[in-house]
PDB file of all heavy atoms in Angstrom:
ATOM      1  N   ARG A   1       7.371  26.846 -11.008  1.00  0.00           N
ATOM      2  CA  ARG A   1       8.436  25.979 -10.510  1.00  0.00           C
ATOM      3  C   ARG A   1       9.637  26.034 -11.449  1.00  0.00           C
ATOM      4  O   ARG A   1      10.228  25.006 -11.784  1.00  0.00           O
ATOM      5  CB  ARG A   1       7.919  24.541 -10.377  1.00  0.00           C
ATOM      6  CG  ARG A   1       6.746  24.405  -9.394  1.00  0.00           C
ATOM      7  CD  ARG A   1       6.371  22.945  -9.242  1.00  0.00           C
ATOM      8  NE  ARG A   1       5.360  22.748  -8.214  1.00  0.00           N
ATOM      9  CZ  ARG A   1       4.058  22.680  -8.430  1.00  0.00           C
ATOM     10  NH1 ARG A   1       3.587  22.826  -9.665  1.00  0.00           N
ATOM     11  NH2 ARG A   1       3.215  22.487  -7.437  1.00  0.00           N
ATOM     12  N   ALA A   2       9.980  27.253 -11.836  1.00  0.00           N
ATOM     13  CA  ALA A   2      11.083  27.425 -12.784  1.00  0.00           C
ATOM     14  C   ALA A   2      12.383  26.855 -12.248  1.00  0.00           C
ATOM     15  O   ALA A   2      13.216  26.343 -13.014  1.00  0.00           O
ATOM     16  CB  ALA A   2      11.251  28.910 -13.105  1.00  0.00           C
ATOM     17  N   SER A   3      12.581  26.899 -10.935  1.00  0.00           N
ATOM     18  CA  SER A   3      13.819  26.398 -10.344  1.00  0.00           C
ATOM     19  C   SER A   3      13.925  24.878 -10.426  1.00  0.00           C
ATOM     20  O   SER A   3      15.001  24.309 -10.204  1.00  0.00           O
ATOM     21  CB  SER A   3      13.922  26.832  -8.884  1.00  0.00           C
ATOM     22  OG  SER A   3      12.861  26.281  -8.112  1.00  0.00           O
ATOM     23  N   LEU A   4      12.811  24.198 -10.753  1.00  0.00           N
ATOM     24  CA  LEU A   4      12.817  22.731 -10.838  1.00  0.00           C
ATOM     25  C   LEU A   4      12.748  22.238 -12.282  1.00  0.00           C
ATOM     26  O   LEU A   4      12.499  21.061 -12.518  1.00  0.00           O
ATOM     27  CB  LEU A   4      11.624  22.171 -10.056  1.00  0.00           C
ATOM     28  CG  LEU A   4      11.566  22.505  -8.565  1.00  0.00           C
ATOM     29  CD1 LEU A   4      10.289  21.936  -7.950  1.00  0.00           C
ATOM     30  CD2 LEU A   4      12.788  21.965  -7.840  1.00  0.00           C
ATOM     31  N   ALA A   5      13.033  23.130 -13.220  1.00  0.00           N
ATOM     32  CA  ALA A   5      12.913  22.757 -14.633  1.00  0.00           C
ATOM     33  C   ALA A   5      13.874  21.649 -15.022  1.00  0.00           C
ATOM     34  O   ALA A   5      13.623  20.908 -15.979  1.00  0.00           O
ATOM     35  CB  ALA A   5      13.150  23.984 -15.513  1.00  0.00           C
ATOM     36  N   ASN A   6      14.972  21.509 -14.285  1.00  0.00           N
ATOM     37  CA  ASN A   6      15.962  20.482 -14.614  1.00  0.00           C
ATOM     38  C   ASN A   6      16.149  19.523 -13.444  1.00  0.00           C
ATOM     39  O   ASN A   6      17.240  19.006 -13.219  1.00  0.00           O
ATOM     40  CB  ASN A   6      17.308  21.129 -14.975  1.00  0.00           C
ATOM     41  CG  ASN A   6      18.167  20.221 -15.835  1.00  0.00           C
ATOM     42  OD1 ASN A   6      17.682  19.590 -16.773  1.00  0.00           O
ATOM     43  ND2 ASN A   6      19.452  20.135 -15.501  1.00  0.00           N
ATOM     44  N   THR A   7      15.059  19.274 -12.725  1.00  0.00           N
ATOM     45  CA  THR A   7      15.126  18.494 -11.488  1.00  0.00           C
ATOM     46  C   THR A   7      14.126  17.351 -11.490  1.00  0.00           C
ATOM     47  O   THR A   7      12.984  17.515 -11.914  1.00  0.00           O
ATOM     48  CB  THR A   7      14.836  19.392 -10.270  1.00  0.00           C
ATOM     49  OG1 THR A   7      15.737  20.495 -10.278  1.00  0.00           O
ATOM     50  CG2 THR A   7      14.976  18.629  -8.972  1.00  0.00           C
ATOM     51  N   LEU A   8      14.576  16.193 -11.006  1.00  0.00           N
ATOM     52  CA  LEU A   8      13.705  15.051 -10.731  1.00  0.00           C
ATOM     53  C   LEU A   8      13.549  14.971  -9.216  1.00  0.00           C
ATOM     54  O   LEU A   8      14.533  15.031  -8.484  1.00  0.00           O
ATOM     55  CB  LEU A   8      14.316  13.759 -11.264  1.00  0.00           C
ATOM     56  CG  LEU A   8      13.488  12.478 -11.057  1.00  0.00           C
ATOM     57  CD1 LEU A   8      12.385  12.415 -12.095  1.00  0.00           C
ATOM     58  CD2 LEU A   8      14.375  11.243 -11.146  1.00  0.00           C
ATOM     59  N   MET A   9      12.309  14.872  -8.738  1.00  0.00           N
ATOM     60  CA  MET A   9      12.047  14.725  -7.306  1.00  0.00           C
ATOM     61  C   MET A   9      11.860  13.240  -6.992  1.00  0.00           C
ATOM     62  O   MET A   9      11.188  12.527  -7.745  1.00  0.00           O
ATOM     63  CB  MET A   9      10.794  15.502  -6.907  1.00  0.00           C
ATOM     64  CG  MET A   9      10.783  16.958  -7.343  1.00  0.00           C
ATOM     65  SD  MET A   9      12.081  17.950  -6.587  1.00  0.00           S
ATOM     66  CE  MET A   9      11.543  17.947  -4.871  1.00  0.00           C
ATOM     67  N   TYR A  10      12.441  12.789  -5.889  1.00  0.00           N
ATOM     68  CA  TYR A  10      12.336  11.364  -5.563  1.00  0.00           C
ATOM     69  C   TYR A  10      12.409  11.164  -4.052  1.00  0.00           C
ATOM     70  O   TYR A  10      12.783  12.065  -3.283  1.00  0.00           O
ATOM     71  CB  TYR A  10      13.424  10.557  -6.257  1.00  0.00           C
ATOM     72  CG  TYR A  10      14.828  10.781  -5.716  1.00  0.00           C
ATOM     73  CD1 TYR A  10      15.410   9.886  -4.816  1.00  0.00           C
ATOM     74  CD2 TYR A  10      15.579  11.890  -6.108  1.00  0.00           C
ATOM     75  CE1 TYR A  10      16.692  10.087  -4.318  1.00  0.00           C
ATOM     76  CE2 TYR A  10      16.862  12.095  -5.626  1.00  0.00           C
ATOM     77  CZ  TYR A  10      17.411  11.197  -4.728  1.00  0.00           C
ATOM     78  OH  TYR A  10      18.680  11.409  -4.229  1.00  0.00           O
ATOM     79  N   TYR A  11      12.036   9.961  -3.609  1.00  0.00           N
ATOM     80  CA  TYR A  11      12.149   9.599  -2.203  1.00  0.00           C
ATOM     81  C   TYR A  11      12.151   8.078  -2.103  1.00  0.00           C
ATOM     82  O   TYR A  11      11.664   7.367  -2.984  1.00  0.00           O
ATOM     83  CB  TYR A  11      11.016  10.195  -1.363  1.00  0.00           C
ATOM     84  CG  TYR A  11       9.623   9.830  -1.816  1.00  0.00           C
ATOM     85  CD1 TYR A  11       8.952   8.729  -1.286  1.00  0.00           C
ATOM     86  CD2 TYR A  11       8.953  10.592  -2.776  1.00  0.00           C
ATOM     87  CE1 TYR A  11       7.675   8.396  -1.695  1.00  0.00           C
ATOM     88  CE2 TYR A  11       7.670  10.272  -3.187  1.00  0.00           C
ATOM     89  CZ  TYR A  11       7.036   9.180  -2.645  1.00  0.00           C
ATOM     90  OH  TYR A  11       5.769   8.855  -3.058  1.00  0.00           O
ATOM     91  N   GLY A  12      12.710   7.578  -1.020  1.00  0.00           N
ATOM     92  CA  GLY A  12      12.751   6.142  -0.811  1.00  0.00           C
ATOM     93  C   GLY A  12      11.442   5.632  -0.239  1.00  0.00           C
ATOM     94  O   GLY A  12      10.929   6.189   0.736  1.00  0.00           O
ATOM     95  N   ASP A  13      10.892   4.605  -0.855  1.00  0.00           N
ATOM     96  CA  ASP A  13       9.707   3.944  -0.320  1.00  0.00           C
ATOM     97  C   ASP A  13      10.099   2.681   0.430  1.00  0.00           C
ATOM     98  O   ASP A  13       9.265   1.895   0.836  1.00  0.00           O
ATOM     99  CB  ASP A  13       8.720   3.619  -1.441  1.00  0.00           C
ATOM    100  CG  ASP A  13       7.317   3.331  -0.904  1.00  0.00           C
ATOM    101  OD1 ASP A  13       6.963   3.909   0.138  1.00  0.00           O
ATOM    102  OD2 ASP A  13       6.603   2.524  -1.518  1.00  0.00           O
ATOM    103  N   PHE A  14      11.397   2.489   0.598  1.00  0.00           N
ATOM    104  CA  PHE A  14      11.925   1.398   1.404  1.00  0.00           C
ATOM    105  C   PHE A  14      12.394   1.981   2.742  1.00  0.00           C
ATOM    106  O   PHE A  14      12.497   3.200   2.902  1.00  0.00           O
ATOM    107  CB  PHE A  14      13.097   0.708   0.695  1.00  0.00           C
ATOM    108  CG  PHE A  14      14.298   1.605   0.520  1.00  0.00           C
ATOM    109  CD1 PHE A  14      15.321   1.634   1.469  1.00  0.00           C
ATOM    110  CD2 PHE A  14      14.408   2.429  -0.601  1.00  0.00           C
ATOM    111  CE1 PHE A  14      16.412   2.464   1.300  1.00  0.00           C
ATOM    112  CE2 PHE A  14      15.507   3.260  -0.772  1.00  0.00           C
ATOM    113  CZ  PHE A  14      16.512   3.280   0.181  1.00  0.00           C
ATOM    114  N   GLY A  15      12.679   1.134   3.673  1.00  0.00           N
ATOM    115  CA  GLY A  15      13.166   1.618   4.961  1.00  0.00           C
ATOM    116  C   GLY A  15      13.189   0.508   5.980  1.00  0.00           C
ATOM    117  O   GLY A  15      13.275  -0.675   5.631  1.00  0.00           O
ATOM    118  N   SER A  16      13.078   0.898   7.242  1.00  0.00           N
ATOM    119  CA  SER A  16      13.164  -0.078   8.327  1.00  0.00           C
ATOM    120  C   SER A  16      12.147   0.215   9.406  1.00  0.00           C
ATOM    121  O   SER A  16      11.767   1.366   9.631  1.00  0.00           O
ATOM    122  CB  SER A  16      14.566  -0.064   8.947  1.00  0.00           C
ATOM    123  OG  SER A  16      15.540  -0.496   8.016  1.00  0.00           O
ATOM    124  N   GLU A  17      11.695  -0.845  10.055  1.00  0.00           N
ATOM    125  CA  GLU A  17      10.887  -0.744  11.259  1.00  0.00           C
ATOM    126  C   GLU A  17      11.784  -1.085  12.436  1.00  0.00           C
ATOM    127  O   GLU A  17      12.538  -2.061  12.391  1.00  0.00           O
ATOM    128  CB  GLU A  17       9.706  -1.710  11.198  1.00  0.00           C
ATOM    129  CG  GLU A  17       8.864  -1.739  12.466  1.00  0.00           C
ATOM    130  CD  GLU A  17       7.761  -2.779  12.407  1.00  0.00           C
ATOM    131  OE1 GLU A  17       7.673  -3.495  11.388  1.00  0.00           O
ATOM    132  OE2 GLU A  17       7.007  -2.881  13.383  1.00  0.00           O
ATOM    133  N   TYR A  18      11.711  -0.288  13.501  1.00  0.00           N
ATOM    134  CA  TYR A  18      12.533  -0.506  14.683  1.00  0.00           C
ATOM    135  C   TYR A  18      11.634  -0.714  15.897  1.00  0.00           C
ATOM    136  O   TYR A  18      10.706   0.059  16.129  1.00  0.00           O
ATOM    137  CB  TYR A  18      13.451   0.692  14.931  1.00  0.00           C
ATOM    138  CG  TYR A  18      14.468   0.918  13.842  1.00  0.00           C
ATOM    139  CD1 TYR A  18      14.208   1.804  12.802  1.00  0.00           C
ATOM    140  CD2 TYR A  18      15.686   0.243  13.845  1.00  0.00           C
ATOM    141  CE1 TYR A  18      15.131   2.023  11.799  1.00  0.00           C
ATOM    142  CE2 TYR A  18      16.625   0.451  12.840  1.00  0.00           C
ATOM    143  CZ  TYR A  18      16.338   1.332  11.815  1.00  0.00           C
ATOM    144  OH  TYR A  18      17.251   1.537  10.809  1.00  0.00           O
ATOM    145  N   ALA A  19      11.918  -1.753  16.667  1.00  0.00           N
ATOM    146  CA  ALA A  19      11.195  -2.030  17.906  1.00  0.00           C
ATOM    147  C   ALA A  19      12.143  -1.819  19.084  1.00  0.00           C
ATOM    148  O   ALA A  19      13.311  -2.213  19.031  1.00  0.00           O
ATOM    149  CB  ALA A  19      10.675  -3.463  17.900  1.00  0.00           C
ATOM    150  N   PHE A  20      11.639  -1.207  20.156  1.00  0.00           N
ATOM    151  CA  PHE A  20      12.497  -0.899  21.298  1.00  0.00           C
ATOM    152  C   PHE A  20      11.630  -0.757  22.547  1.00  0.00           C
ATOM    153  O   PHE A  20      10.396  -0.675  22.471  1.00  0.00           O
ATOM    154  CB  PHE A  20      13.296   0.385  21.052  1.00  0.00           C
ATOM    155  CG  PHE A  20      12.439   1.544  20.645  1.00  0.00           C
ATOM    156  CD1 PHE A  20      11.914   2.421  21.573  1.00  0.00           C
ATOM    157  CD2 PHE A  20      12.121   1.744  19.302  1.00  0.00           C
ATOM    158  CE1 PHE A  20      11.103   3.473  21.186  1.00  0.00           C
ATOM    159  CE2 PHE A  20      11.305   2.797  18.906  1.00  0.00           C
ATOM    160  CZ  PHE A  20      10.792   3.658  19.853  1.00  0.00           C
ATOM    161  N   ASP A  21      12.293  -0.723  23.708  1.00  0.00           N
ATOM    162  CA  ASP A  21      11.616  -0.691  24.998  1.00  0.00           C
ATOM    163  C   ASP A  21      11.941   0.616  25.719  1.00  0.00           C
ATOM    164  O   ASP A  21      13.099   1.035  25.770  1.00  0.00           O
ATOM    165  CB  ASP A  21      12.093  -1.884  25.836  1.00  0.00           C
ATOM    166  CG  ASP A  21      11.469  -1.902  27.213  1.00  0.00           C
ATOM    167  OD1 ASP A  21      11.897  -1.116  28.089  1.00  0.00           O
ATOM    168  OD2 ASP A  21      10.558  -2.709  27.423  1.00  0.00           O
ATOM    169  N   LEU A  22      10.901   1.278  26.251  1.00  0.00           N
ATOM    170  CA  LEU A  22      11.079   2.459  27.093  1.00  0.00           C
ATOM    171  C   LEU A  22      10.385   2.194  28.416  1.00  0.00           C
ATOM    172  O   LEU A  22       9.152   2.111  28.471  1.00  0.00           O
ATOM    173  CB  LEU A  22      10.472   3.702  26.434  1.00  0.00           C
ATOM    174  CG  LEU A  22      10.990   4.126  25.063  1.00  0.00           C
ATOM    175  CD1 LEU A  22      10.206   5.339  24.562  1.00  0.00           C
ATOM    176  CD2 LEU A  22      12.478   4.435  25.116  1.00  0.00           C
ATOM    177  N   ASP A  23      11.158   2.004  29.474  1.00  0.00           N
ATOM    178  CA  ASP A  23      10.619   1.779  30.816  1.00  0.00           C
ATOM    179  C   ASP A  23       9.572   0.675  30.848  1.00  0.00           C
ATOM    180  O   ASP A  23       8.495   0.823  31.431  1.00  0.00           O
ATOM    181  CB  ASP A  23      10.020   3.082  31.369  1.00  0.00           C
ATOM    182  CG  ASP A  23      11.103   4.053  31.835  1.00  0.00           C
ATOM    183  OD1 ASP A  23      12.273   3.632  31.940  1.00  0.00           O
ATOM    184  OD2 ASP A  23      10.775   5.225  32.076  1.00  0.00           O
ATOM    185  N   GLY A  24       9.870  -0.424  30.193  1.00  0.00           N
ATOM    186  CA  GLY A  24       8.998  -1.583  30.254  1.00  0.00           C
ATOM    187  C   GLY A  24       7.868  -1.597  29.253  1.00  0.00           C
ATOM    188  O   GLY A  24       7.112  -2.571  29.188  1.00  0.00           O
ATOM    189  N   LYS A  25       7.719  -0.546  28.472  1.00  0.00           N
ATOM    190  CA  LYS A  25       6.692  -0.511  27.441  1.00  0.00           C
ATOM    191  C   LYS A  25       7.361  -0.480  26.086  1.00  0.00           C
ATOM    192  O   LYS A  25       8.363   0.208  25.899  1.00  0.00           O
ATOM    193  CB  LYS A  25       5.805   0.721  27.620  1.00  0.00           C
ATOM    194  CG  LYS A  25       4.556   0.696  26.751  1.00  0.00           C
ATOM    195  CD  LYS A  25       3.629   1.863  27.096  1.00  0.00           C
ATOM    196  CE  LYS A  25       2.346   1.801  26.287  1.00  0.00           C
ATOM    197  NZ  LYS A  25       1.420   2.915  26.622  1.00  0.00           N
ATOM    198  N   GLU A  26       6.808  -1.218  25.156  1.00  0.00           N
ATOM    199  CA  GLU A  26       7.460  -1.391  23.865  1.00  0.00           C
ATOM    200  C   GLU A  26       6.776  -0.610  22.763  1.00  0.00           C
ATOM    201  O   GLU A  26       5.556  -0.495  22.728  1.00  0.00           O
ATOM    202  CB  GLU A  26       7.533  -2.882  23.524  1.00  0.00           C
ATOM    203  CG  GLU A  26       8.479  -3.609  24.475  1.00  0.00           C
ATOM    204  CD  GLU A  26       8.051  -5.027  24.743  1.00  0.00           C
ATOM    205  OE1 GLU A  26       7.277  -5.569  23.942  1.00  0.00           O
ATOM    206  OE2 GLU A  26       8.482  -5.580  25.771  1.00  0.00           O
ATOM    207  N   TYR A  27       7.584  -0.051  21.886  1.00  0.00           N
ATOM    208  CA  TYR A  27       7.126   0.825  20.824  1.00  0.00           C
ATOM    209  C   TYR A  27       7.799   0.453  19.517  1.00  0.00           C
ATOM    210  O   TYR A  27       8.781  -0.292  19.488  1.00  0.00           O
ATOM    211  CB  TYR A  27       7.472   2.286  21.140  1.00  0.00           C
ATOM    212  CG  TYR A  27       6.878   2.817  22.415  1.00  0.00           C
ATOM    213  CD1 TYR A  27       7.505   2.617  23.636  1.00  0.00           C
ATOM    214  CD2 TYR A  27       5.682   3.540  22.394  1.00  0.00           C
ATOM    215  CE1 TYR A  27       6.962   3.122  24.813  1.00  0.00           C
ATOM    216  CE2 TYR A  27       5.134   4.052  23.565  1.00  0.00           C
ATOM    217  CZ  TYR A  27       5.789   3.831  24.768  1.00  0.00           C
ATOM    218  OH  TYR A  27       5.245   4.329  25.921  1.00  0.00           O
ATOM    219  N   THR A  28       7.267   0.990  18.435  1.00  0.00           N
ATOM    220  CA  THR A  28       7.932   0.882  17.141  1.00  0.00           C
ATOM    221  C   THR A  28       8.058   2.262  16.512  1.00  0.00           C
ATOM    222  O   THR A  28       7.327   3.192  16.846  1.00  0.00           O
ATOM    223  CB  THR A  28       7.158  -0.027  16.163  1.00  0.00           C
ATOM    224  OG1 THR A  28       5.852   0.519  15.971  1.00  0.00           O
ATOM    225  CG2 THR A  28       7.065  -1.444  16.670  1.00  0.00           C
ATOM    226  N   THR A  29       8.996   2.372  15.606  1.00  0.00           N
ATOM    227  CA  THR A  29       9.116   3.553  14.773  1.00  0.00           C
ATOM    228  C   THR A  29       9.591   3.107  13.406  1.00  0.00           C
ATOM    229  O   THR A  29      10.041   1.966  13.236  1.00  0.00           O
ATOM    230  CB  THR A  29      10.090   4.581  15.382  1.00  0.00           C
ATOM    231  OG1 THR A  29      10.034   5.791  14.619  1.00  0.00           O
ATOM    232  CG2 THR A  29      11.530   4.070  15.382  1.00  0.00           C
ATOM    233  N   PHE A  30       9.473   3.989  12.423  1.00  0.00           N
ATOM    234  CA  PHE A  30       9.855   3.671  11.056  1.00  0.00           C
ATOM    235  C   PHE A  30      10.804   4.733  10.521  1.00  0.00           C
ATOM    236  O   PHE A  30      10.698   5.912  10.857  1.00  0.00           O
ATOM    237  CB  PHE A  30       8.624   3.596  10.144  1.00  0.00           C
ATOM    238  CG  PHE A  30       7.673   2.478  10.475  1.00  0.00           C
ATOM    239  CD1 PHE A  30       6.670   2.666  11.409  1.00  0.00           C
ATOM    240  CD2 PHE A  30       7.787   1.245   9.865  1.00  0.00           C
ATOM    241  CE1 PHE A  30       5.788   1.660  11.729  1.00  0.00           C
ATOM    242  CE2 PHE A  30       6.904   0.218  10.171  1.00  0.00           C
ATOM    243  CZ  PHE A  30       5.905   0.427  11.104  1.00  0.00           C
ATOM    244  N   VAL A  31      11.715   4.302   9.670  1.00  0.00           N
ATOM    245  CA  VAL A  31      12.623   5.204   8.965  1.00  0.00           C
ATOM    246  C   VAL A  31      12.500   4.909   7.482  1.00  0.00           C
ATOM    247  O   VAL A  31      12.629   3.753   7.061  1.00  0.00           O
ATOM    248  CB  VAL A  31      14.079   5.028   9.421  1.00  0.00           C
ATOM    249  CG1 VAL A  31      15.022   5.821   8.516  1.00  0.00           C
ATOM    250  CG2 VAL A  31      14.252   5.475  10.866  1.00  0.00           C
ATOM    251  N   ALA A  32      12.231   5.932   6.698  1.00  0.00           N
ATOM    252  CA  ALA A  32      12.187   5.770   5.243  1.00  0.00           C
ATOM    253  C   ALA A  32      13.575   6.016   4.679  1.00  0.00           C
ATOM    254  O   ALA A  32      14.286   6.925   5.105  1.00  0.00           O
ATOM    255  CB  ALA A  32      11.202   6.746   4.633  1.00  0.00           C
ATOM    256  N   GLY A  33      13.966   5.194   3.693  1.00  0.00           N
ATOM    257  CA  GLY A  33      15.273   5.363   3.082  1.00  0.00           C
ATOM    258  C   GLY A  33      16.380   4.954   4.024  1.00  0.00           C
ATOM    259  O   GLY A  33      16.270   3.976   4.763  1.00  0.00           O
ATOM    260  N   SER A  34      17.446   5.752   4.048  1.00  0.00           N
ATOM    261  CA  SER A  34      18.615   5.426   4.852  1.00  0.00           C
ATOM    262  C   SER A  34      18.538   6.085   6.221  1.00  0.00           C
ATOM    263  O   SER A  34      17.998   7.180   6.371  1.00  0.00           O
ATOM    264  CB  SER A  34      19.896   5.888   4.137  1.00  0.00           C
ATOM    265  OG  SER A  34      19.995   5.297   2.856  1.00  0.00           O
ATOM    266  N   LEU A  35      19.091   5.417   7.214  1.00  0.00           N
ATOM    267  CA  LEU A  35      19.156   5.947   8.566  1.00  0.00           C
ATOM    268  C   LEU A  35      20.152   7.096   8.629  1.00  0.00           C
ATOM    269  O   LEU A  35      21.272   6.993   8.135  1.00  0.00           O
ATOM    270  CB  LEU A  35      19.572   4.830   9.526  1.00  0.00           C
ATOM    271  CG  LEU A  35      19.541   5.135  11.016  1.00  0.00           C
ATOM    272  CD1 LEU A  35      18.109   5.412  11.464  1.00  0.00           C
ATOM    273  CD2 LEU A  35      20.111   3.939  11.786  1.00  0.00           C
ATOM    274  N   SER A  36      19.737   8.221   9.218  1.00  0.00           N
ATOM    275  CA  SER A  36      20.590   9.398   9.337  1.00  0.00           C
ATOM    276  C   SER A  36      20.952   9.634  10.795  1.00  0.00           C
ATOM    277  O   SER A  36      20.123   9.427  11.686  1.00  0.00           O
ATOM    278  CB  SER A  36      19.883  10.636   8.772  1.00  0.00           C
ATOM    279  OG  SER A  36      20.565  11.818   9.133  1.00  0.00           O
ATOM    280  N   SER A  37      22.168  10.072  11.052  1.00  0.00           N
ATOM    281  CA  SER A  37      22.622  10.299  12.422  1.00  0.00           C
ATOM    282  C   SER A  37      21.935  11.494  13.068  1.00  0.00           C
ATOM    283  O   SER A  37      22.074  11.713  14.273  1.00  0.00           O
ATOM    284  CB  SER A  37      24.137  10.503  12.445  1.00  0.00           C
ATOM    285  OG  SER A  37      24.497  11.610  11.643  1.00  0.00           O
ATOM    286  N   SER A  38      21.206  12.280  12.277  1.00  0.00           N
ATOM    287  CA  SER A  38      20.479  13.424  12.832  1.00  0.00           C
ATOM    288  C   SER A  38      19.008  13.406  12.417  1.00  0.00           C
ATOM    289  O   SER A  38      18.338  14.428  12.450  1.00  0.00           O
ATOM    290  CB  SER A  38      21.129  14.736  12.385  1.00  0.00           C
ATOM    291  OG  SER A  38      21.128  14.839  10.967  1.00  0.00           O
ATOM    292  N   GLY A  39      18.527  12.232  12.026  1.00  0.00           N
ATOM    293  CA  GLY A  39      17.144  12.114  11.560  1.00  0.00           C
ATOM    294  C   GLY A  39      16.139  12.160  12.705  1.00  0.00           C
ATOM    295  O   GLY A  39      16.496  12.211  13.883  1.00  0.00           O
ATOM    296  N   ARG A  40      14.865  12.162  12.328  1.00  0.00           N
ATOM    297  CA  ARG A  40      13.777  12.195  13.305  1.00  0.00           C
ATOM    298  C   ARG A  40      13.013  10.877  13.283  1.00  0.00           C
ATOM    299  O   ARG A  40      12.810  10.278  12.217  1.00  0.00           O
ATOM    300  CB  ARG A  40      12.827  13.362  13.004  1.00  0.00           C
ATOM    301  CG  ARG A  40      13.419  14.707  13.396  1.00  0.00           C
ATOM    302  CD  ARG A  40      12.642  15.863  12.810  1.00  0.00           C
ATOM    303  NE  ARG A  40      11.262  15.940  13.277  1.00  0.00           N
ATOM    304  CZ  ARG A  40      10.874  16.540  14.409  1.00  0.00           C
ATOM    305  NH1 ARG A  40      11.775  17.095  15.198  1.00  0.00           N
ATOM    306  NH2 ARG A  40       9.604  16.588  14.749  1.00  0.00           N
ATOM    307  N   LEU A  41      12.592  10.447  14.458  1.00  0.00           N
ATOM    308  CA  LEU A  41      11.875   9.191  14.620  1.00  0.00           C
ATOM    309  C   LEU A  41      10.494   9.462  15.200  1.00  0.00           C
ATOM    310  O   LEU A  41      10.375   9.960  16.319  1.00  0.00           O
ATOM    311  CB  LEU A  41      12.642   8.256  15.562  1.00  0.00           C
ATOM    312  CG  LEU A  41      14.075   7.909  15.157  1.00  0.00           C
ATOM    313  CD1 LEU A  41      14.737   7.089  16.269  1.00  0.00           C
ATOM    314  CD2 LEU A  41      14.105   7.149  13.845  1.00  0.00           C
ATOM    315  N   PRO A  42       9.414   9.149  14.473  1.00  0.00           N
ATOM    316  CA  PRO A  42       8.059   9.304  15.019  1.00  0.00           C
ATOM    317  C   PRO A  42       7.710   8.129  15.916  1.00  0.00           C
ATOM    318  O   PRO A  42       7.944   6.975  15.567  1.00  0.00           O
ATOM    319  CB  PRO A  42       7.191   9.335  13.762  1.00  0.00           C
ATOM    320  CG  PRO A  42       7.967   8.539  12.750  1.00  0.00           C
ATOM    321  CD  PRO A  42       9.422   8.731  13.069  1.00  0.00           C
ATOM    322  N   ILE A  43       7.172   8.416  17.093  1.00  0.00           N
ATOM    323  CA  ILE A  43       6.833   7.367  18.061  1.00  0.00           C
ATOM    324  C   ILE A  43       5.403   7.593  18.546  1.00  0.00           C
ATOM    325  O   ILE A  43       5.092   8.631  19.143  1.00  0.00           O
ATOM    326  CB  ILE A  43       7.802   7.371  19.260  1.00  0.00           C
ATOM    327  CG1 ILE A  43       9.250   7.127  18.775  1.00  0.00           C
ATOM    328  CG2 ILE A  43       7.406   6.300  20.278  1.00  0.00           C
ATOM    329  CD1 ILE A  43      10.288   7.276  19.865  1.00  0.00           C
ATOM    330  N   ASP A  44       4.536   6.640  18.289  1.00  0.00           N
ATOM    331  CA  ASP A  44       3.125   6.743  18.660  1.00  0.00           C
ATOM    332  C   ASP A  44       2.972   6.417  20.143  1.00  0.00           C
ATOM    333  O   ASP A  44       2.670   5.292  20.524  1.00  0.00           O
ATOM    334  CB  ASP A  44       2.299   5.789  17.800  1.00  0.00           C
ATOM    335  CG  ASP A  44       0.811   5.941  18.023  1.00  0.00           C
ATOM    336  OD1 ASP A  44       0.409   6.924  18.673  1.00  0.00           O
ATOM    337  OD2 ASP A  44       0.052   5.086  17.547  1.00  0.00           O
ATOM    338  N   ARG A  45       3.122   7.411  20.992  1.00  0.00           N
ATOM    339  CA  ARG A  45       3.142   7.213  22.438  1.00  0.00           C
ATOM    340  C   ARG A  45       1.794   6.759  22.989  1.00  0.00           C
ATOM    341  O   ARG A  45       1.737   5.969  23.937  1.00  0.00           O
ATOM    342  CB  ARG A  45       3.557   8.505  23.133  1.00  0.00           C
ATOM    343  CG  ARG A  45       4.918   9.016  22.735  1.00  0.00           C
ATOM    344  CD  ARG A  45       5.153  10.404  23.298  1.00  0.00           C
ATOM    345  NE  ARG A  45       5.104  10.397  24.747  1.00  0.00           N
ATOM    346  CZ  ARG A  45       4.976  11.487  25.491  1.00  0.00           C
ATOM    347  NH1 ARG A  45       4.830  12.665  24.903  1.00  0.00           N
ATOM    348  NH2 ARG A  45       4.957  11.401  26.799  1.00  0.00           N
TER     349      ARG A  45
END
């Protein structure tokens, strides 16, 4: 990992839970860190 010799790796353990409705059924998803305009949202269908 020579390319990481001067690098600290990190990630946000904070975030948000979002609740929403799709055709009468309600779901949640989570976002870690900051919300991104091109991020991905996992939805347990």
